[in-house]
Protein backbone atom coordinates (compact mmCIF):
# COMPACT_ATOMS: atom_id res chain seq x y z
CA MET A 1 16.58 -0.08 2.16
CA LYS A 2 16.11 2.24 5.12
CA LYS A 3 13.18 1.92 7.44
CA LEU A 4 10.77 4.73 8.05
CA LYS A 5 10.47 5.61 11.70
CA PHE A 6 6.74 5.87 12.41
CA ILE A 7 7.08 4.08 15.75
CA LEU A 8 5.93 5.27 19.14
CA PRO A 9 8.90 5.34 21.54
CA ALA A 10 8.66 3.96 25.03
CA ALA A 11 7.63 6.74 27.37
CA ALA A 12 9.97 7.93 30.06
CA ALA A 13 8.05 8.37 33.30
CA LEU A 14 8.85 10.97 35.87
CA ILE A 15 8.21 10.53 39.61
CA CYS A 16 5.47 8.13 40.67
CA SER A 17 2.12 9.69 41.52
CA PRO A 18 0.02 8.72 44.54
CA ALA A 19 -1.84 5.42 44.17
CA VAL A 20 -4.83 6.96 42.41
CA HIS A 21 -5.53 5.34 39.06
CA ALA A 22 -6.76 6.87 35.83
CA LYS A 23 -9.56 5.16 33.93
CA VAL A 24 -9.11 3.82 30.42
CA THR A 25 -12.06 2.78 28.24
CA VAL A 26 -11.59 0.58 25.18
CA THR A 27 -14.33 0.49 22.53
CA ASN A 28 -14.69 -1.63 19.41
CA THR A 29 -18.33 -1.75 18.37
CA SER A 30 -17.49 -4.22 15.59
CA ALA A 31 -16.18 -6.82 18.06
CA PRO A 32 -18.41 -7.21 21.16
CA GLY A 33 -17.05 -10.00 23.35
CA ALA A 34 -13.50 -9.56 22.07
CA THR A 35 -10.72 -9.98 24.63
CA TYR A 36 -7.68 -7.70 24.78
CA THR A 37 -4.49 -8.02 26.80
CA ILE A 38 -3.33 -4.87 28.58
CA GLN A 39 0.34 -4.31 29.32
CA GLN A 40 1.27 -1.31 31.45
CA SER A 41 4.78 -0.15 32.20
CA SER A 42 6.32 2.77 34.03
CA MET A 43 9.85 4.04 34.51
CA GLY A 44 8.89 4.79 38.10
CA GLU A 45 9.21 2.48 41.10
CA THR A 46 6.23 0.40 40.01
CA GLY A 47 8.02 -0.85 36.90
CA GLU A 48 6.05 -3.14 34.61
CA ALA A 49 2.74 -4.46 35.87
CA ALA A 50 1.53 -7.98 35.22
CA PRO A 51 -0.58 -8.22 32.04
CA GLN A 52 -4.33 -8.09 32.49
CA SER A 53 -7.20 -9.01 30.20
CA VAL A 54 -10.40 -7.13 29.45
CA THR A 55 -13.39 -8.45 27.55
CA LEU A 56 -15.69 -6.09 25.68
CA ASP A 57 -19.33 -6.17 26.72
CA ALA A 58 -22.32 -6.51 24.41
CA THR A 59 -21.93 -2.90 23.30
CA GLY A 60 -18.25 -3.43 22.45
CA SER A 61 -16.83 -1.56 25.43
CA ALA A 62 -14.72 -2.23 28.53
CA SER A 63 -12.81 -0.17 31.10
CA PHE A 64 -9.76 -0.75 33.27
CA SER A 65 -7.61 1.25 35.70
CA GLN A 66 -4.18 2.57 34.85
CA GLN A 67 -1.41 1.75 37.30
CA ALA A 68 -0.03 4.56 39.45
CA GLY A 69 2.41 7.01 37.90
CA PRO A 70 2.94 8.20 34.32
CA THR A 71 2.39 5.03 32.33
CA GLU A 72 2.73 3.56 28.87
CA ILE A 73 -0.24 1.31 28.04
CA SER A 74 -0.14 -1.21 25.19
CA ILE A 75 -3.25 -3.09 24.08
CA TYR A 76 -2.96 -6.42 22.23
CA ASP A 77 -5.62 -8.42 20.43
CA SER A 78 -6.13 -12.20 20.61
CA ALA A 79 -3.45 -12.70 17.93
CA ASP A 80 -0.95 -10.85 20.16
CA LYS A 81 -0.85 -7.92 17.74
CA ARG A 82 -0.56 -4.50 19.34
CA VAL A 83 -3.62 -2.54 18.26
CA ALA A 84 -3.20 0.53 20.47
CA GLN A 85 -0.60 2.35 22.54
CA LEU A 86 -1.34 5.30 24.76
CA PHE A 87 0.13 7.24 27.64
CA SER A 88 -1.37 8.33 30.94
CA THR A 89 0.28 11.18 32.80
CA SER A 90 -2.20 12.02 35.59
CA PRO A 91 -4.39 9.98 37.98
CA ASP A 92 -7.48 12.07 37.23
CA GLU A 93 -7.55 11.26 33.49
CA GLU A 94 -10.30 9.34 31.74
CA LEU A 95 -8.77 8.11 28.52
CA THR A 96 -10.59 6.49 25.61
CA VAL A 97 -9.38 4.21 22.85
CA THR A 98 -11.74 3.55 19.95
CA ILE A 99 -10.69 0.69 17.69
CA ALA A 100 -12.25 0.64 14.23
CA ALA A 101 -13.16 -2.45 12.23
CA ASP A 102 -10.01 -1.98 10.13
CA GLY A 103 -7.85 -2.07 13.27
CA THR A 104 -6.96 1.62 13.45
CA ALA A 105 -7.21 3.27 16.85
CA ARG A 106 -8.21 6.78 17.91
CA TYR A 107 -7.39 8.36 21.25
CA ALA A 108 -8.87 11.06 23.48
CA GLY A 109 -9.19 12.12 27.10
CA SER A 110 -6.07 14.17 27.89
CA ARG A 111 -4.08 17.02 26.41
CA LEU A 112 -1.28 14.60 25.51
CA MET A 113 -3.47 11.98 23.82
CA ASN A 114 -5.63 14.59 22.07
CA ASP A 115 -2.50 16.22 20.64
CA LEU A 116 -0.94 12.89 19.71
CA GLN A 117 -4.12 12.04 17.83
CA MET A 118 -3.76 15.26 15.84
CA PHE A 119 -0.21 14.23 15.00
CA PHE A 120 -1.31 10.74 13.96
CA ASP A 121 -4.02 12.21 11.73
CA ARG A 122 -1.38 14.26 9.93
CA THR A 123 1.03 11.37 9.44
CA ALA A 124 -1.43 8.51 8.71
CA PRO A 125 -1.51 9.04 4.91
CA LEU A 126 2.29 8.85 4.79
CA GLN A 127 2.30 5.67 6.88
CA THR A 128 -0.14 4.12 4.43
CA LEU A 129 2.15 4.99 1.52
CA ALA A 130 5.17 3.66 3.41
CA SER A 131 3.49 0.30 4.00
CA THR A 132 3.58 -0.36 0.23
CA LEU A 133 7.35 0.08 -0.09
CA PRO A 134 8.61 -3.40 0.94
CA ALA A 135 6.53 -5.08 -1.79
CA LEU A 136 7.57 -2.45 -4.34
CA TYR A 137 11.22 -2.91 -3.44
CA ASP A 138 11.02 -6.56 -4.53
CA ILE A 139 9.76 -5.42 -7.95
CA ASP A 140 11.56 -2.12 -8.58
CA PRO A 141 14.26 -1.24 -5.98
CA LYS A 142 15.15 2.10 -7.57
CA GLU A 143 11.55 3.29 -7.63
CA ALA A 144 11.05 2.10 -4.04
CA GLU A 145 14.13 4.00 -2.91
CA ALA A 146 12.98 7.16 -4.70
CA ARG A 147 9.56 6.92 -3.06
CA TYR A 148 11.16 6.29 0.31
CA GLU A 149 13.16 9.50 0.02
CA GLU A 150 10.06 11.42 -1.03
CA ILE A 151 7.90 10.04 1.80
CA ASN A 152 10.63 10.51 4.38
CA ALA A 153 11.07 14.15 3.33
CA LYS A 154 7.31 14.74 3.58
CA TYR A 155 7.23 13.06 6.98
CA ALA A 156 9.99 15.31 8.27
CA GLU A 157 8.14 18.38 6.99
CA THR A 158 4.95 17.14 8.68
CA CYS A 159 6.79 16.78 11.99
CA LYS A 160 8.30 20.25 11.71
CA SER A 161 4.91 21.71 10.79
CA PHE A 162 3.35 20.11 13.89
CA LEU A 163 6.13 21.50 16.08
CA ALA A 164 5.58 24.96 14.63
CA SER A 165 1.80 24.78 15.08
CA TYR A 166 1.85 23.37 18.62
CA PRO A 167 5.12 24.53 20.21
CA ASP A 168 3.84 24.13 23.79
CA SER A 169 2.20 20.73 23.29
CA PRO A 170 3.26 17.76 25.43
CA ALA A 171 3.22 15.84 22.12
CA ALA A 172 5.81 18.18 20.55
CA PRO A 173 8.76 16.11 21.86
CA TYR A 174 7.17 13.00 20.32
CA ALA A 175 7.13 14.72 16.93
CA LEU A 176 10.75 15.71 17.53
CA LEU A 177 11.68 12.05 18.07
CA ASN A 178 10.73 11.40 14.44
CA LEU A 179 13.35 13.83 13.12
CA ASP A 180 17.09 13.39 12.77
CA GLY A 181 20.22 15.24 11.76
CA GLN A 182 20.18 19.01 11.78
CA ASP A 183 16.36 19.04 11.71
CA PHE A 184 16.39 17.32 15.10
CA MET A 185 19.01 19.65 16.56
CA ASP A 186 17.24 22.81 15.35
CA SER A 187 13.85 21.65 16.62
CA TYR A 188 15.34 20.54 19.94
CA THR A 189 16.77 24.01 20.50
CA ALA A 190 13.38 25.56 19.69
CA LEU A 191 11.40 23.46 22.22
CA THR A 192 9.50 25.68 24.65
CA PRO A 193 9.74 25.28 28.46
CA GLN A 194 6.17 23.92 28.44
CA ALA A 195 6.98 21.25 25.88
CA ARG A 196 10.07 20.26 27.85
CA GLN A 197 7.78 19.11 30.69
CA SER A 198 6.55 16.24 28.48
CA ILE A 199 7.09 12.63 29.57
CA PHE A 200 8.88 12.12 26.24
CA MET A 201 11.78 14.42 27.16
CA PHE A 202 13.81 11.63 28.74
CA ALA A 203 13.69 9.80 25.40
CA VAL A 204 14.44 13.06 23.56
CA GLU A 205 17.62 13.63 25.60
CA LYS A 206 18.82 10.12 24.75
CA ALA A 207 17.93 10.66 21.09
CA LYS A 208 19.86 13.95 21.12
CA SER A 209 23.00 12.14 22.22
CA ARG A 210 22.55 9.42 19.58
CA ASN A 211 21.82 11.99 16.89
CA ALA A 212 24.98 13.94 17.70
CA GLN A 213 27.01 10.73 17.45
CA ARG A 214 25.33 9.82 14.17
CA MET A 215 25.99 13.26 12.68
CA GLU A 216 29.64 12.99 13.67
CA ALA A 217 29.80 9.51 12.11
CA GLU A 218 28.25 10.80 8.89
CA LYS A 219 30.80 13.60 8.78
CA ARG A 220 33.58 11.04 9.26
CA MET A 221 32.04 8.84 6.58
CA ALA A 222 32.11 11.70 4.07
CA GLU A 223 35.75 12.35 4.92
CA MET A 224 36.58 8.66 4.59
CA GLU A 225 35.10 8.53 1.07
CA SER A 226 37.54 11.17 -0.19
CA GLY A 227 39.88 8.50 -1.53
CA THR A 228 42.72 9.68 0.71
CA VAL A 229 41.85 7.74 3.89
CA PRO A 230 43.41 4.28 4.37
CA ALA A 231 40.99 1.49 5.28
CA PRO A 232 41.54 0.66 8.99
CA ALA A 233 43.51 -2.56 9.40
CA PHE A 234 41.94 -5.64 10.98
CA SER A 235 42.55 -9.36 11.47
CA LEU A 236 39.59 -11.68 12.08
CA PRO A 237 38.93 -15.44 12.11
CA ASP A 238 37.39 -17.18 9.12
CA LEU A 239 35.11 -20.24 9.16
CA ASN A 240 38.06 -22.52 9.92
CA GLY A 241 39.48 -20.32 12.63
CA LYS A 242 42.31 -19.03 10.42
CA THR A 243 43.18 -15.37 10.92
CA VAL A 244 42.60 -13.24 7.83
CA SER A 245 43.85 -9.66 7.50
CA LEU A 246 42.74 -6.87 5.21
CA ALA A 247 46.39 -6.33 4.26
CA ASP A 248 46.34 -9.76 2.58
CA PHE A 249 44.27 -8.26 -0.26
CA LYS A 250 46.28 -5.16 -1.12
CA GLY A 251 46.39 -4.75 -4.89
CA LYS A 252 42.76 -5.86 -5.31
CA TRP A 253 39.47 -4.10 -5.07
CA VAL A 254 37.66 -5.22 -1.92
CA ILE A 255 34.07 -4.92 -0.70
CA LEU A 256 33.74 -5.21 3.06
CA ASP A 257 30.18 -6.32 3.80
CA PHE A 258 29.21 -5.72 7.44
CA TRP A 259 26.15 -7.90 7.98
CA GLY A 260 24.22 -10.27 10.25
CA SER A 261 21.75 -13.07 9.59
CA TRP A 262 19.23 -11.19 11.75
CA CYS A 263 19.25 -8.30 9.22
CA ARG A 264 16.55 -8.68 6.56
CA TRP A 265 18.11 -6.23 4.12
CA CYS A 266 21.52 -7.88 4.51
CA VAL A 267 20.05 -11.21 3.41
CA LYS A 268 17.98 -9.66 0.60
CA GLY A 269 21.18 -8.15 -0.81
CA PHE A 270 23.04 -11.46 -1.17
CA PRO A 271 21.84 -12.28 -4.73
CA GLU A 272 23.05 -8.89 -5.99
CA LEU A 273 26.34 -9.28 -4.16
CA LYS A 274 26.79 -12.76 -5.66
CA ASP A 275 26.30 -11.27 -9.14
CA ILE A 276 28.93 -8.63 -8.40
CA TYR A 277 31.33 -11.24 -7.03
CA SER A 278 30.93 -13.34 -10.16
CA LYS A 279 31.16 -10.40 -12.60
CA TYR A 280 34.43 -9.09 -11.17
CA SER A 281 36.01 -12.44 -10.32
CA GLY A 282 39.78 -12.08 -10.10
CA LYS A 283 39.62 -8.29 -9.90
CA LEU A 284 37.54 -7.87 -6.74
CA GLU A 285 37.23 -9.73 -3.46
CA VAL A 286 34.22 -9.68 -1.13
CA ILE A 287 34.86 -10.04 2.59
CA GLY A 288 31.76 -10.63 4.68
CA ILE A 289 32.11 -9.49 8.30
CA ASP A 290 29.36 -10.91 10.49
CA CYS A 291 28.30 -8.81 13.48
CA ASN A 292 25.93 -8.86 16.46
CA GLU A 293 25.24 -12.57 16.74
CA PRO A 294 26.77 -15.81 18.10
CA ALA A 295 29.33 -17.58 15.93
CA ASP A 296 27.12 -20.66 15.45
CA LYS A 297 24.36 -18.54 13.88
CA TRP A 298 26.94 -16.90 11.60
CA LYS A 299 28.25 -20.26 10.40
CA ALA A 300 24.74 -21.59 9.85
CA ALA A 301 23.80 -18.50 7.81
CA VAL A 302 26.91 -18.75 5.61
CA ALA A 303 25.95 -22.34 4.81
CA LYS A 304 22.24 -21.59 4.36
CA TYR A 305 22.79 -18.71 1.93
CA GLU A 306 25.79 -20.36 0.26
CA LEU A 307 28.03 -17.31 0.50
CA PRO A 308 31.01 -17.97 -1.81
CA TRP A 309 33.34 -15.22 -0.63
CA ILE A 310 35.62 -14.88 2.38
CA ASN A 311 33.56 -14.89 5.57
CA LEU A 312 34.92 -13.51 8.82
CA TYR A 313 33.44 -13.25 12.31
CA TYR A 314 33.54 -10.14 14.47
CA ASP A 315 32.52 -10.60 18.10
CA THR A 316 30.79 -7.33 18.87
CA GLU A 317 30.02 -8.54 22.40
CA LYS A 318 33.72 -8.14 23.20
CA ASP A 319 34.69 -5.17 21.05
CA MET A 320 33.13 -2.43 18.90
CA SER A 321 36.31 -0.70 17.74
CA LEU A 322 36.15 -2.03 14.17
CA LEU A 323 32.59 -0.77 13.65
CA ASN A 324 33.61 2.58 15.08
CA ALA A 325 36.70 2.72 12.87
CA TYR A 326 34.54 2.26 9.76
CA ALA A 327 31.76 4.56 11.08
CA VAL A 328 29.21 1.74 10.77
CA GLN A 329 25.81 3.15 11.73
CA GLY A 330 23.51 0.51 10.31
CA PHE A 331 23.34 -2.81 8.51
CA PRO A 332 24.20 -3.74 5.91
CA THR A 333 27.16 -1.41 5.45
CA LYS A 334 29.37 -1.96 2.42
CA VAL A 335 32.81 -0.38 2.25
CA VAL A 336 34.65 -0.35 -1.08
CA VAL A 337 38.43 -0.37 -0.71
CA GLY A 338 40.69 0.37 -3.68
CA PRO A 339 43.80 -1.60 -4.70
CA ASP A 340 45.86 1.07 -2.94
CA GLY A 341 44.13 0.32 0.35
CA MET A 342 42.17 3.58 0.36
CA ILE A 343 38.44 3.75 1.10
CA ARG A 344 36.52 4.77 -2.02
CA LYS A 345 32.85 4.37 -1.08
CA ILE A 346 30.64 3.58 1.94
CA VAL A 347 27.04 2.50 1.44
CA VAL A 348 24.59 2.03 4.31
CA GLY A 349 21.46 -0.03 3.75
CA ALA A 350 20.18 -1.44 0.49
CA ASP A 351 21.12 0.92 -2.34
CA PRO A 352 19.85 -0.06 -5.81
CA THR A 353 22.48 2.19 -7.42
CA PHE A 354 25.38 0.33 -5.78
CA PRO A 355 26.21 -1.86 -8.83
CA GLU A 356 26.39 1.25 -11.04
CA THR A 357 28.56 3.08 -8.52
CA LEU A 358 30.88 0.11 -8.22
CA ASP A 359 31.18 -0.25 -11.98
CA LYS A 360 32.23 3.38 -12.31
CA LEU A 361 34.83 2.97 -9.58
CA LEU A 362 36.33 -0.19 -11.01
CA ASN A 363 36.41 1.15 -14.55
CA GLY A 364 37.71 4.60 -13.62
CA LYS A 365 34.64 6.50 -14.82
């Protein structure tokens, strides 16, 4: 299952300001005496400052100074949970963070934080809905996937609406960071000169490059699923160090499962993949290709999850060409290869319709 974005990116600072510090006030009237850890970081010469602690007074309030330069400020509670994240762009700012009893935070004190708060107010209901999806997925994957698509579409529309309403806002590039594909490219082109002065533009430029690469990969993926593109050849070591090649399985249906033990949705998909492996025994082979972790963790995971199929190791620290050849953009990625060696289907993430799709392919429907 895909993950909704809803995450503040790290700010990209510009040039360091003079050593004059903005003031930040934290308030939580429901927790007088509470202690918070403050972590400040800047992309300027000052880098990341040492963490500091603040303790709320009897009224539930405390203040601290922001380090010099445009700065990202994260506030953590005693359980080391981040309860607030804000950005200071000028030494003359007086920012406020108000933390409610339910843990939600509200921001004010600068044009950027005021505008970000407006954005958060618009997206909060969708974040609340999104938080219910992991539990729903365990009960009804198809319904969870349908709701994900609906929420994600609404979130994209909310971002585009904010960009249209506040085209000159320093928060506009933040909203842009929550879009992808052609929506991102169109909104990037429409950014005003004022919005392009935002501290988020450095992150936006990086995201633009990644988005262009992803769009190209998606285009390649669509072309590869035409049934006329041969699956790229490879030879990788198995658990015993023996070299196994894709060509060894010509004449059989094959599922290539690109995964890693660090990937929650990869692991959650194993029971379904085991059912598929058992159902089509003799007609279909599953080849697990572990990525992005040391070989000892791969071997331990194969044993822990009792994976019955062929398991191969791909050292992505040394080489990424195989992932690029198969246009792998996320994990898990499953590639269905026909008996003729042609790619028939590529699925990224957890897709509850995958068993149906596979059944149609294998039975010529």
